[in-house]
C-alpha atoms as a PDB file:
ATOM      1  CA  MET A   1      -0.301   0.103  -0.030  1.00  0.00           C
ATOM      2  CA  SER A   2       1.195   3.309  -1.176  1.00  0.00           C
ATOM      3  CA  ARG A   3       2.155   6.584   1.265  1.00  0.00           C
ATOM      4  CA  TRP A   4      -1.194   8.383   0.097  1.00  0.00           C
ATOM      5  CA  LEU A   5      -3.543   5.686   0.731  1.00  0.00           C
ATOM      6  CA  ALA A   6      -2.493   5.344   3.630  1.00  0.00           C
ATOM      7  CA  VAL A   7      -2.769   8.843   4.351  1.00  0.00           C
ATOM      8  CA  TRP A   8      -5.758   9.090   2.706  1.00  0.00           C
ATOM      9  CA  GLY A   9      -6.885   6.077   5.283  1.00  0.00           C
ATOM     10  CA  ALA A  10      -6.040   8.235   7.848  1.00  0.00           C
ATOM     11  CA  ILE A  11      -8.093  11.526   5.971  1.00  0.00           C
ATOM     12  CA  TRP A  12     -11.090   9.484   6.568  1.00  0.00           C
ATOM     13  CA  LEU A  13     -10.578   7.468   9.796  1.00  0.00           C
ATOM     14  CA  ALA A  14     -10.659  11.081  11.413  1.00  0.00           C
ATOM     15  CA  GLY A  15     -13.297  12.996   8.936  1.00  0.00           C
ATOM     16  CA  SER A  16     -15.211  10.039  10.797  1.00  0.00           C
ATOM     17  CA  VAL A  17     -14.824  10.274  13.719  1.00  0.00           C
ATOM     18  CA  GLY A  18     -15.752  13.603  13.406  1.00  0.00           C
ATOM     19  CA  ALA A  19     -19.069  13.089  11.562  1.00  0.00           C
ATOM     20  CA  PHE A  20     -19.919  10.763  14.115  1.00  0.00           C
ATOM     21  CA  LEU A  21     -18.833  13.564  16.652  1.00  0.00           C
ATOM     22  CA  VAL A  22     -20.351  16.047  15.052  1.00  0.00           C
ATOM     23  CA  LEU A  23     -23.301  14.704  12.544  1.00  0.00           C
ATOM     24  CA  ASP A  24     -26.729  12.469  13.422  1.00  0.00           C
ATOM     25  CA  PRO A  25     -25.192   8.757  13.390  1.00  0.00           C
ATOM     26  CA  ILE A  26     -27.299   8.110  10.403  1.00  0.00           C
ATOM     27  CA  LEU A  27     -25.875  10.336   8.457  1.00  0.00           C
ATOM     28  CA  ALA A  28     -22.232   9.784  10.014  1.00  0.00           C
ATOM     29  CA  SER A  29     -22.981   6.557   9.267  1.00  0.00           C
ATOM     30  CA  PHE A  30     -23.377   6.913   5.777  1.00  0.00           C
ATOM     31  CA  ILE A  31     -20.539   9.240   5.212  1.00  0.00           C
ATOM     32  CA  ALA A  32     -17.868   6.569   6.931  1.00  0.00           C
ATOM     33  CA  ILE A  33     -19.267   3.773   4.538  1.00  0.00           C
ATOM     34  CA  PHE A  34     -19.387   5.636   1.443  1.00  0.00           C
ATOM     35  CA  GLY A  35     -15.988   6.923   2.456  1.00  0.00           C
ATOM     36  CA  LEU A  36     -14.634   3.469   3.640  1.00  0.00           C
ATOM     37  CA  CYS A  37     -15.953   1.784   0.529  1.00  0.00           C
ATOM     38  CA  LEU A  38     -14.118   5.162  -2.000  1.00  0.00           C
ATOM     39  CA  TRP A  39     -10.698   4.483   0.165  1.00  0.00           C
ATOM     40  CA  GLY A  40     -11.364   0.239  -0.174  1.00  0.00           C
ATOM     41  CA  VAL A  41     -11.829   0.701  -4.354  1.00  0.00           C
ATOM     42  CA  ALA A  42      -8.929   3.071  -4.324  1.00  0.00           C
ATOM     43  CA  VAL A  43      -6.237   0.593  -2.562  1.00  0.00           C
ATOM     44  CA  LEU A  44      -7.707  -2.714  -5.046  1.00  0.00           C
ATOM     45  CA  ALA A  45      -7.014  -0.150  -7.712  1.00  0.00           C
ATOM     46  CA  SER A  46      -3.602   0.442  -6.496  1.00  0.00           C
ATOM     47  CA  ASN A  47      -1.972  -1.885  -7.987  1.00  0.00           C
ATOM     48  CA  TRP A  48      -3.417  -2.473 -11.660  1.00  0.00           C
ATOM     49  CA  ASP A  49      -0.981  -1.184 -13.917  1.00  0.00           C
ATOM     50  CA  GLN A  50       1.118  -4.026 -12.520  1.00  0.00           C
ATOM     51  CA  HIS A  51      -0.206  -7.121 -13.906  1.00  0.00           C
ATOM     52  CA  SER A  52       1.135  -8.669 -16.341  1.00  0.00           C
ATOM     53  CA  SER A  53       0.109  -8.004 -20.004  1.00  0.00           C
ATOM     54  CA  PHE A  54      -2.232 -10.353 -22.058  1.00  0.00           C
ATOM     55  CA  GLU A  55       1.290 -11.205 -24.398  1.00  0.00           C
ATOM     56  CA  GLN A  56       2.659 -12.077 -21.276  1.00  0.00           C
ATOM     57  CA  ARG A  57       0.528 -14.290 -19.860  1.00  0.00           C
ATOM     58  CA  GLU A  58      -0.158 -16.278 -23.912  1.00  0.00           C
ATOM     59  CA  ARG A  59       3.557 -16.235 -23.906  1.00  0.00           C
ATOM     60  CA  ASP A  60       4.058 -18.331 -20.457  1.00  0.00           C
ATOM     61  CA  ARG A  61       0.626 -21.037 -21.462  1.00  0.00           C
ATOM     62  CA  ALA A  62       2.480 -21.605 -25.224  1.00  0.00           C
ATOM     63  CA  ARG A  63       5.415 -22.578 -23.255  1.00  0.00           C
ATOM     64  CA  ARG A  64       4.004 -24.655 -20.467  1.00  0.00           C
ATOM     65  CA  ARG A  65       2.099 -25.948 -23.418  1.00  0.00           C
ATOM     66  CA  ALA A  66       4.961 -26.662 -25.702  1.00  0.00           C
ATOM     67  CA  GLU A  67       6.831 -28.006 -22.674  1.00  0.00           C
ATOM     68  CA  ARG A  68       3.837 -30.628 -21.746  1.00  0.00           C
ATOM     69  CA  ARG A  69       3.540 -31.264 -24.906  1.00  0.00           C
ATOM     70  CA  GLU A  70       7.276 -32.830 -25.296  1.00  0.00           C
ATOM     71  CA  ARG A  71       6.731 -34.156 -22.358  1.00  0.00           C
ATOM     72  CA  THR A  72       3.642 -36.809 -23.872  1.00  0.00           C
ATOM     73  CA  LYS A  73       5.072 -37.198 -27.309  1.00  0.00           C
ATOM     74  CA  ASP A  74       5.693 -41.042 -27.047  1.00  0.00           C
ATOM     75  CA  ALA A  75       2.195 -41.449 -25.302  1.00  0.00           C
ATOM     76  CA  ARG A  76       0.666 -39.207 -28.064  1.00  0.00           C
ATOM     77  CA  ALA A  77       3.417 -41.702 -30.663  1.00  0.00           C
ATOM     78  CA  ARG A  78       1.919 -44.470 -28.865  1.00  0.00           C
ATOM     79  CA  ASP A  79      -2.032 -43.789 -29.386  1.00  0.00           C
ATOM     80  CA  ARG A  80      -1.005 -42.881 -32.854  1.00  0.00           C
ATOM     81  CA  ALA A  81       0.056 -46.416 -34.182  1.00  0.00           C
ATOM     82  CA  ARG A  82      -2.402 -47.316 -31.812  1.00  0.00           C
ATOM     83  CA  TRP A  83      -4.862 -45.771 -34.006  1.00  0.00           C
ATOM     84  CA  GLU A  84      -3.314 -46.479 -37.497  1.00  0.00           C
ATOM     85  CA  ALA A  85      -3.860 -49.687 -36.618  1.00  0.00           C
ATOM     86  CA  HIS A  86      -7.575 -49.506 -35.867  1.00  0.00           C
ATOM     87  CA  GLN A  87      -7.917 -48.273 -39.089  1.00  0.00           C
ATOM     88  CA  GLN A  88      -6.499 -50.374 -41.016  1.00  0.00           C
ATOM     89  CA  ARG A  89      -8.107 -53.256 -39.354  1.00  0.00           C
ATOM     90  CA  LYS A  90     -11.579 -50.735 -40.186  1.00  0.00           C
ATOM     91  CA  ALA A  91     -10.281 -50.928 -43.896  1.00  0.00           C
ATOM     92  CA  ASP A  92      -9.305 -54.040 -44.472  1.00  0.00           C
ATOM     93  CA  ARG A  93     -12.885 -55.516 -43.108  1.00  0.00           C
ATOM     94  CA  SER A  94     -15.053 -53.297 -44.790  1.00  0.00           C
ATOM     95  CA  ALA A  95     -12.470 -54.135 -48.218  1.00  0.00           C
ATOM     96  CA  GLY A  96     -12.776 -57.998 -47.782  1.00  0.00           C
ATOM     97  CA  ARG A  97     -16.935 -57.899 -47.876  1.00  0.00           C
END
């Protein structure tokens, strides 16, 4: 959390306490809740631009897919051979009729 958010949080807290001392409790509650919501949104949005870009995430996903494809290439080759043998047997049966 940045220093400015901490300062604004302290200002919100002081303003809320002052509102409860001066105003009606219902109105002071509204001011305190509204201020807390605004401060919470500011805290959540403070690191909005620090996340990875779409392109970076896609490069990472492509790298992970390539690693997984490399790890499973033997199993895929066995499956392909079995599939081709099955297709050959099926073609032989239909040609024999």
